[in-house]
Amino acid sequence: MHYPRITGDNLDYLYDRDQNTKSFNLSGYHYASYGTKVSFTNRIGEIRGRDNVSSKYPIGLNSLMAKIDLKIGDINEAEAGILVGAIQEVLAEEGTGAGYLTLTNNSSSPISTGSATNIYLNLDGGTGDFIYNEINGLLVEDYEVVHKSNFLHDLNIVLKTNQKSVFTNYWGAHSYSGGIAYWDTGIAYEENDIIFYPAFENARDNFFYCSSGHISITGLAPNASGSPWKQSFFWEPNHELTTRNGDSLSLENFKEGMHSRTKVNKNSQFIDTTLSFLNRSNKETRAILHFLENRMGYKAFDFTLSGIYRSKKYFTAPEWEHEFVYFDVNNISVKIKEEVRVASAKQLNTSNFWNAL
């Protein structure tokens, strides 16, 4: 390949492409745009025994991974330059601990070291009605700038969590935990409120979710019979639902196109499906996301499928996705898998060690 001769006339072309934008004043506040999505995936190990009874466990302290498809739309050239410059600054950092971003709820917390640029993930309209905590330790996986005109740009950034462990932040690693308080009497609780009530030894088992508004009294304590506080997955999904049934049959092929099917295990027709929750408020969204995060992808929960199926079932939720649609409007999709459980309380726990966390 032929390269142009370097002379005094073209020395301006020699510069470090780690910082590949014009110089802008790195200051200001920037908000995510509607259409931003946050998806969660759990790294789960599984030991499956006879009759499809399985034991699940998380793989590593960072078993719950969040991916953020962050959209910042209709920004001018200066704003686009500020944000791309901040990203390039972080990507150019070297050494251990370099190259991380933070999405903030607080104007005093910058997006990157040495920059006064702040990006807010929560589209709360200035109300403080947050869905997520501040999320730090984010790695930039990819980004792109869409040049819509000479004046307007869109910025799409793909971020992944790397340092936010659900095990060391049991009150709420990603889902907003600022509004969670201890249960008390004489409080006007609303549907989808979240409280902490120390009824069980395992701290994670002490979060309860309000299914209907009420004034709290001792007779309606979270662990009381008939209490409006739930630990089952009581939220109603949208009606359209496609279920896929598992199959524990062995198919053998013989000569002349003959086949033989042999049943290998009991409990062969277990259900996998995806639940959709459309146009949900911030409050309901926050409660659903906190519930799912607290179950960490491997702890089973009660959920009743409507329609043709038997009602009593346990499920786990290994994956879910949340989309900011509009102000106080959110979509959530949750992938759930039916779990085969037995009557023994000891066997009901997937692992005594991990359930103690």
Protein backbone atom coordinates (compact mmCIF):
# COMPACT_ATOMS: atom_id res chain seq x y z
CA MET A 1 0.00 0.00 0.00
CA HIS A 2 1.32 3.44 -0.88
CA TYR A 3 1.28 6.03 1.90
CA PRO A 4 1.62 9.79 1.27
CA ARG A 5 4.97 11.32 1.99
CA ILE A 6 5.13 13.04 5.38
CA THR A 7 6.00 16.69 4.90
CA GLY A 8 5.38 19.89 6.78
CA ASP A 9 2.11 20.30 4.90
CA ASN A 10 0.51 17.11 6.21
CA LEU A 11 1.92 16.78 9.74
CA ASP A 12 -1.53 17.75 10.99
CA TYR A 13 -2.66 14.23 10.05
CA LEU A 14 -0.33 12.70 12.66
CA TYR A 15 -2.22 12.48 15.95
CA ASP A 16 -3.33 9.78 18.38
CA ARG A 17 -6.67 8.28 17.31
CA ASP A 18 -7.41 7.25 20.90
CA GLN A 19 -8.96 10.72 21.15
CA ASN A 20 -10.58 11.17 17.75
CA THR A 21 -12.96 14.09 18.28
CA LYS A 22 -12.51 17.84 18.27
CA SER A 23 -11.86 19.55 21.59
CA PHE A 24 -15.07 20.31 23.50
CA ASN A 25 -15.69 21.62 26.98
CA LEU A 26 -16.39 18.41 28.93
CA SER A 27 -19.29 19.58 31.04
CA GLY A 28 -23.04 19.34 31.25
CA TYR A 29 -25.76 16.81 31.98
CA HIS A 30 -27.17 14.32 29.49
CA TYR A 31 -30.17 12.02 29.74
CA ALA A 32 -30.82 8.64 28.19
CA SER A 33 -33.56 8.62 25.55
CA TYR A 34 -36.68 6.52 25.38
CA GLY A 35 -35.96 3.21 23.71
CA THR A 36 -33.04 2.55 26.07
CA LYS A 37 -33.06 -1.11 27.16
CA VAL A 38 -31.52 -2.93 30.12
CA SER A 39 -31.28 -6.72 29.83
CA PHE A 40 -30.21 -9.15 32.53
CA THR A 41 -28.70 -12.61 32.10
CA ASN A 42 -27.75 -15.00 34.89
CA ARG A 43 -24.83 -17.40 34.63
CA ILE A 44 -26.38 -20.51 36.18
CA GLY A 45 -25.01 -24.00 36.63
CA GLU A 46 -27.36 -26.96 36.80
CA ILE A 47 -27.23 -30.52 38.05
CA ARG A 48 -30.16 -32.44 36.61
CA GLY A 49 -31.14 -35.74 38.18
CA ARG A 50 -33.76 -38.35 37.44
CA ASP A 51 -37.27 -37.30 36.47
CA ASN A 52 -36.03 -33.79 35.59
CA VAL A 53 -35.48 -32.75 39.21
CA SER A 54 -32.61 -30.27 39.08
CA SER A 55 -30.36 -28.28 41.37
CA LYS A 56 -29.28 -24.83 40.17
CA TYR A 57 -26.49 -22.60 41.45
CA PRO A 58 -24.92 -19.29 40.40
CA ILE A 59 -21.52 -19.26 38.72
CA GLY A 60 -19.32 -16.67 40.41
CA LEU A 61 -20.01 -13.52 42.40
CA ASN A 62 -20.86 -11.64 39.20
CA SER A 63 -23.33 -14.26 38.02
CA LEU A 64 -25.98 -11.63 37.27
CA MET A 65 -24.83 -9.62 34.26
CA ALA A 66 -26.57 -6.49 32.97
CA LYS A 67 -26.31 -5.20 29.41
CA ILE A 68 -27.44 -1.64 28.74
CA ASP A 69 -28.36 -0.52 25.22
CA LEU A 70 -28.14 3.18 25.99
CA LYS A 71 -29.68 5.60 23.51
CA ILE A 72 -29.11 9.35 23.60
CA GLY A 73 -31.05 10.98 20.78
CA ASP A 74 -31.33 14.32 18.96
CA ILE A 75 -28.23 15.91 20.43
CA ASN A 76 -26.28 18.72 18.78
CA GLU A 77 -22.69 18.58 17.61
CA ALA A 78 -21.26 19.94 20.85
CA GLU A 79 -23.19 17.42 22.98
CA ALA A 80 -22.22 14.54 20.68
CA GLY A 81 -18.59 15.63 20.84
CA ILE A 82 -18.66 15.84 24.63
CA LEU A 83 -20.09 12.34 25.02
CA VAL A 84 -17.99 10.62 22.36
CA GLY A 85 -14.91 12.38 23.73
CA ALA A 86 -15.69 11.11 27.23
CA ILE A 87 -16.12 7.54 25.92
CA GLN A 88 -12.89 7.71 23.96
CA GLU A 89 -11.11 9.09 27.00
CA VAL A 90 -12.19 6.07 29.04
CA LEU A 91 -11.36 3.58 26.28
CA ALA A 92 -7.87 5.07 26.00
CA GLU A 93 -7.11 4.50 29.69
CA GLU A 94 -4.56 1.82 30.47
CA GLY A 95 -3.82 -0.34 33.49
CA THR A 96 -5.88 -2.28 36.00
CA GLY A 97 -9.28 -0.73 36.68
CA ALA A 98 -9.19 1.49 33.59
CA GLY A 99 -11.95 1.86 31.05
CA TYR A 100 -15.05 1.85 33.26
CA LEU A 101 -18.09 4.11 33.10
CA THR A 102 -20.76 5.02 35.63
CA LEU A 103 -24.43 5.80 35.01
CA THR A 104 -25.57 8.09 37.75
CA ASN A 105 -28.56 9.46 39.66
CA ASN A 106 -26.39 12.19 41.17
CA SER A 107 -25.04 15.27 39.39
CA SER A 108 -21.86 15.08 41.47
CA SER A 109 -20.90 11.68 40.01
CA PRO A 110 -19.17 11.87 36.59
CA ILE A 111 -19.43 9.41 33.74
CA SER A 112 -15.65 9.04 33.56
CA THR A 113 -12.52 9.91 35.48
CA GLY A 114 -11.36 13.46 34.78
CA SER A 115 -14.61 14.44 33.06
CA ALA A 116 -17.48 16.56 34.30
CA THR A 117 -19.88 14.80 31.95
CA ASN A 118 -22.86 13.04 33.53
CA ILE A 119 -25.26 10.59 31.90
CA TYR A 120 -28.52 9.80 33.68
CA LEU A 121 -30.06 6.39 33.03
CA ASN A 122 -33.35 6.95 34.87
CA LEU A 123 -35.93 8.76 32.75
CA ASP A 124 -37.76 10.18 35.77
CA GLY A 125 -38.55 13.66 34.45
CA GLY A 126 -36.75 15.21 37.41
CA THR A 127 -39.12 13.58 39.92
CA GLY A 128 -36.59 11.23 41.52
CA ASP A 129 -38.85 8.28 40.63
CA PHE A 130 -35.84 6.08 39.85
CA ILE A 131 -35.89 2.51 38.58
CA TYR A 132 -32.15 1.82 38.92
CA ASN A 133 -29.43 2.58 41.40
CA GLU A 134 -26.26 4.24 40.25
CA ILE A 135 -24.46 1.58 38.21
CA ASN A 136 -20.66 1.67 38.15
CA GLY A 137 -18.01 -0.63 36.73
CA LEU A 138 -19.55 -0.51 33.24
CA LEU A 139 -17.48 -1.64 30.27
CA VAL A 140 -18.05 -0.06 26.85
CA GLU A 141 -18.65 -2.96 24.47
CA ASP A 142 -19.54 -0.86 21.44
CA TYR A 143 -20.84 2.54 20.42
CA GLU A 144 -21.98 4.31 17.28
CA VAL A 145 -22.83 7.85 16.25
CA VAL A 146 -25.73 8.38 13.86
CA HIS A 147 -25.29 11.64 11.94
CA LYS A 148 -28.88 12.60 11.18
CA SER A 149 -28.01 16.07 9.90
CA ASN A 150 -25.40 18.76 10.37
CA PHE A 151 -27.13 19.70 13.58
CA LEU A 152 -28.59 16.52 15.12
CA HIS A 153 -26.96 13.25 16.14
CA ASP A 154 -27.97 10.04 17.89
CA LEU A 155 -25.53 8.17 20.13
CA ASN A 156 -25.99 4.45 20.82
CA ILE A 157 -23.75 2.91 23.50
CA VAL A 158 -23.65 -0.76 24.55
CA LEU A 159 -22.48 -1.17 28.15
CA LYS A 160 -21.95 -4.27 30.29
CA THR A 161 -21.67 -4.57 34.05
CA ASN A 162 -18.44 -5.91 35.44
CA GLN A 163 -18.28 -4.98 39.14
CA LYS A 164 -21.86 -4.91 40.48
CA SER A 165 -22.36 -8.13 42.42
CA VAL A 166 -25.87 -9.07 43.48
CA PHE A 167 -24.38 -11.11 46.34
CA THR A 168 -22.67 -8.16 47.99
CA ASN A 169 -25.61 -5.79 47.37
CA TYR A 170 -28.58 -7.83 48.57
CA TRP A 171 -30.70 -4.71 49.25
CA GLY A 172 -30.58 -4.01 45.51
CA ALA A 173 -27.58 -4.12 43.19
CA HIS A 174 -29.16 -2.63 40.05
CA SER A 175 -32.86 -2.09 40.83
CA TYR A 176 -33.45 1.07 42.83
CA SER A 177 -33.38 0.44 46.57
CA GLY A 178 -33.74 3.99 47.87
CA GLY A 179 -37.46 3.64 48.58
CA ILE A 180 -37.27 0.35 50.48
CA ALA A 181 -37.87 0.63 54.23
CA TYR A 182 -38.64 -1.60 57.20
CA TRP A 183 -42.33 -2.47 57.62
CA ASP A 184 -44.20 -0.59 60.34
CA THR A 185 -47.79 -0.13 61.55
CA GLY A 186 -49.91 2.91 60.77
CA ILE A 187 -48.42 3.41 57.29
CA ALA A 188 -50.55 3.94 54.17
CA TYR A 189 -48.91 1.45 51.83
CA GLU A 190 -49.60 1.40 48.11
CA GLU A 191 -49.65 -1.43 45.60
CA ASN A 192 -46.11 -2.38 44.49
CA ASP A 193 -44.43 -0.90 47.57
CA ILE A 194 -41.42 -2.93 48.70
CA ILE A 195 -40.58 -3.44 52.37
CA PHE A 196 -38.07 -5.37 54.46
CA TYR A 197 -39.52 -7.45 57.29
CA PRO A 198 -37.06 -9.64 59.28
CA ALA A 199 -39.17 -12.79 59.49
CA PHE A 200 -36.55 -15.27 58.23
CA GLU A 201 -32.89 -16.03 58.90
CA ASN A 202 -31.86 -15.48 55.29
CA ALA A 203 -31.89 -11.72 54.65
CA ARG A 204 -32.93 -12.18 51.01
CA ASP A 205 -36.11 -13.92 52.11
CA ASN A 206 -37.29 -10.83 54.00
CA PHE A 207 -38.41 -8.64 51.09
CA PHE A 208 -42.16 -8.41 50.58
CA TYR A 209 -44.19 -6.79 47.79
CA CYS A 210 -47.53 -5.09 48.30
CA SER A 211 -50.39 -6.52 46.25
CA SER A 212 -53.01 -3.93 47.30
CA GLY A 213 -53.11 -0.58 49.07
CA HIS A 214 -53.93 -0.58 52.81
CA ILE A 215 -53.21 0.95 56.21
CA SER A 216 -50.82 -1.36 58.03
CA ILE A 217 -51.84 -3.01 61.29
CA THR A 218 -50.38 -5.93 63.23
CA GLY A 219 -52.97 -8.31 61.78
CA LEU A 220 -51.76 -7.48 58.26
CA ALA A 221 -48.05 -7.96 58.97
CA PRO A 222 -46.11 -9.42 56.02
CA ASN A 223 -45.96 -12.93 57.53
CA ALA A 224 -49.59 -12.94 58.73
CA SER A 225 -52.23 -15.14 57.12
CA GLY A 226 -54.15 -13.23 54.46
CA SER A 227 -51.60 -10.43 54.38
CA PRO A 228 -51.53 -8.20 51.27
CA TRP A 229 -47.73 -8.57 51.27
CA LYS A 230 -46.58 -11.25 48.84
CA GLN A 231 -43.43 -13.18 48.00
CA SER A 232 -44.96 -14.97 45.03
CA PHE A 233 -44.89 -13.53 41.53
CA PHE A 234 -48.40 -12.03 41.57
CA TRP A 235 -48.10 -9.54 38.68
CA GLU A 236 -50.44 -10.18 35.75
CA PRO A 237 -48.69 -10.42 32.35
CA ASN A 238 -50.31 -9.40 29.09
CA HIS A 239 -52.61 -12.09 27.76
CA GLU A 240 -50.77 -13.24 24.65
CA LEU A 241 -48.51 -16.10 25.70
CA THR A 242 -46.66 -18.86 23.86
CA THR A 243 -45.52 -21.86 25.88
CA ARG A 244 -43.00 -24.52 24.91
CA ASN A 245 -43.08 -27.86 26.66
CA GLY A 246 -39.92 -29.77 27.45
CA ASP A 247 -39.56 -33.33 26.24
CA SER A 248 -37.80 -36.25 27.94
CA LEU A 249 -38.25 -38.82 25.21
CA SER A 250 -35.52 -40.75 23.42
CA LEU A 251 -35.93 -41.26 19.67
CA GLU A 252 -34.17 -44.21 18.05
CA ASN A 253 -33.93 -44.65 14.29
CA PHE A 254 -33.96 -48.11 12.68
CA LYS A 255 -33.66 -49.44 9.18
CA GLU A 256 -36.44 -49.02 6.66
CA GLY A 257 -37.40 -45.66 8.19
CA MET A 258 -38.78 -47.12 11.41
CA HIS A 259 -38.57 -45.21 14.69
CA SER A 260 -38.99 -46.00 18.36
CA ARG A 261 -39.76 -43.46 21.09
CA THR A 262 -38.89 -44.28 24.70
CA LYS A 263 -39.86 -42.22 27.72
CA VAL A 264 -36.70 -41.51 29.70
CA ASN A 265 -37.93 -39.52 32.70
CA LYS A 266 -41.09 -38.50 34.47
CA ASN A 267 -42.09 -34.82 34.52
CA SER A 268 -41.40 -34.64 30.80
CA GLN A 269 -43.84 -31.85 29.94
CA PHE A 270 -42.42 -28.88 31.85
CA ILE A 271 -42.98 -25.34 30.56
CA ASP A 272 -40.67 -22.66 29.17
CA THR A 273 -42.24 -19.34 28.21
CA THR A 274 -41.73 -15.58 28.10
CA LEU A 275 -44.02 -13.24 30.01
CA SER A 276 -44.68 -9.74 28.66
CA PHE A 277 -45.60 -6.75 30.82
CA LEU A 278 -46.47 -3.79 28.60
CA ASN A 279 -47.05 -0.13 29.49
CA ARG A 280 -46.29 -0.55 33.19
CA SER A 281 -45.66 2.33 35.59
CA ASN A 282 -42.26 3.05 37.13
CA LYS A 283 -43.55 1.80 40.48
CA GLU A 284 -44.73 -1.56 39.16
CA THR A 285 -41.60 -1.90 37.01
CA ARG A 286 -39.37 -1.25 39.99
CA ALA A 287 -41.15 -3.90 42.06
CA ILE A 288 -40.96 -6.55 39.31
CA LEU A 289 -37.27 -5.87 38.61
CA HIS A 290 -36.37 -5.96 42.31
CA PHE A 291 -38.23 -9.27 42.73
CA LEU A 292 -36.41 -10.84 39.78
CA GLU A 293 -33.00 -9.58 40.87
CA ASN A 294 -33.58 -10.87 44.39
CA ARG A 295 -34.28 -14.36 42.99
CA MET A 296 -30.92 -14.19 41.14
CA GLY A 297 -31.99 -16.39 38.26
CA TYR A 298 -31.79 -19.68 40.14
CA LYS A 299 -34.13 -19.38 43.13
CA ALA A 300 -37.63 -20.63 42.37
CA PHE A 301 -40.83 -18.71 43.01
CA ASP A 302 -44.58 -19.38 42.86
CA PHE A 303 -46.40 -18.25 39.75
CA THR A 304 -49.83 -19.27 38.49
CA LEU A 305 -50.25 -19.65 34.73
CA SER A 306 -53.79 -18.97 33.62
CA GLY A 307 -55.62 -21.09 31.08
CA ILE A 308 -55.17 -24.80 30.45
CA TYR A 309 -52.33 -25.58 32.88
CA ARG A 310 -52.45 -26.83 36.44
CA SER A 311 -52.18 -23.86 38.75
CA LYS A 312 -49.50 -24.80 41.30
CA LYS A 313 -46.07 -24.34 39.75
CA TYR A 314 -42.55 -23.21 40.55
CA PHE A 315 -40.49 -21.21 38.06
CA THR A 316 -37.07 -19.62 37.78
CA ALA A 317 -36.32 -16.53 35.68
CA PRO A 318 -32.85 -16.75 34.09
CA GLU A 319 -33.30 -13.70 31.81
CA TRP A 320 -35.35 -10.52 31.63
CA GLU A 321 -35.32 -7.23 29.71
CA HIS A 322 -36.65 -3.77 30.53
CA GLU A 323 -37.31 -0.97 28.03
CA PHE A 324 -37.95 2.70 28.82
CA VAL A 325 -40.89 3.45 26.51
CA TYR A 326 -42.01 6.89 27.69
CA PHE A 327 -42.33 8.87 30.91
CA ASP A 328 -43.68 6.44 33.53
CA VAL A 329 -44.28 3.84 30.78
CA ASN A 330 -42.16 0.67 30.63
CA ASN A 331 -42.10 -2.72 28.92
CA ILE A 332 -40.68 -5.84 30.57
CA SER A 333 -40.18 -9.33 29.16
CA VAL A 334 -39.30 -12.22 31.49
CA LYS A 335 -38.12 -15.65 30.40
CA ILE A 336 -39.30 -18.27 32.90
CA LYS A 337 -38.65 -22.00 33.22
CA GLU A 338 -40.76 -24.45 35.18
CA GLU A 339 -38.93 -26.24 37.97
CA VAL A 340 -39.82 -29.72 39.21
CA ARG A 341 -39.82 -29.69 43.01
CA VAL A 342 -40.46 -32.27 45.72
CA ALA A 343 -42.24 -32.10 49.06
CA SER A 344 -39.14 -32.27 51.26
CA ALA A 345 -38.16 -28.82 52.55
CA LYS A 346 -34.51 -29.83 52.43
CA GLN A 347 -34.76 -30.79 48.77
CA LEU A 348 -36.74 -27.64 48.05
CA ASN A 349 -33.56 -25.62 48.61
CA THR A 350 -31.29 -25.82 45.58
CA SER A 351 -28.14 -25.47 47.69
CA ASN A 352 -27.78 -24.81 51.40
CA PHE A 353 -24.61 -22.79 50.78
CA TRP A 354 -25.93 -20.48 48.06
CA ASN A 355 -29.35 -20.06 49.69
CA ALA A 356 -27.58 -18.76 52.78
CA LEU A 357 -26.29 -15.78 50.77
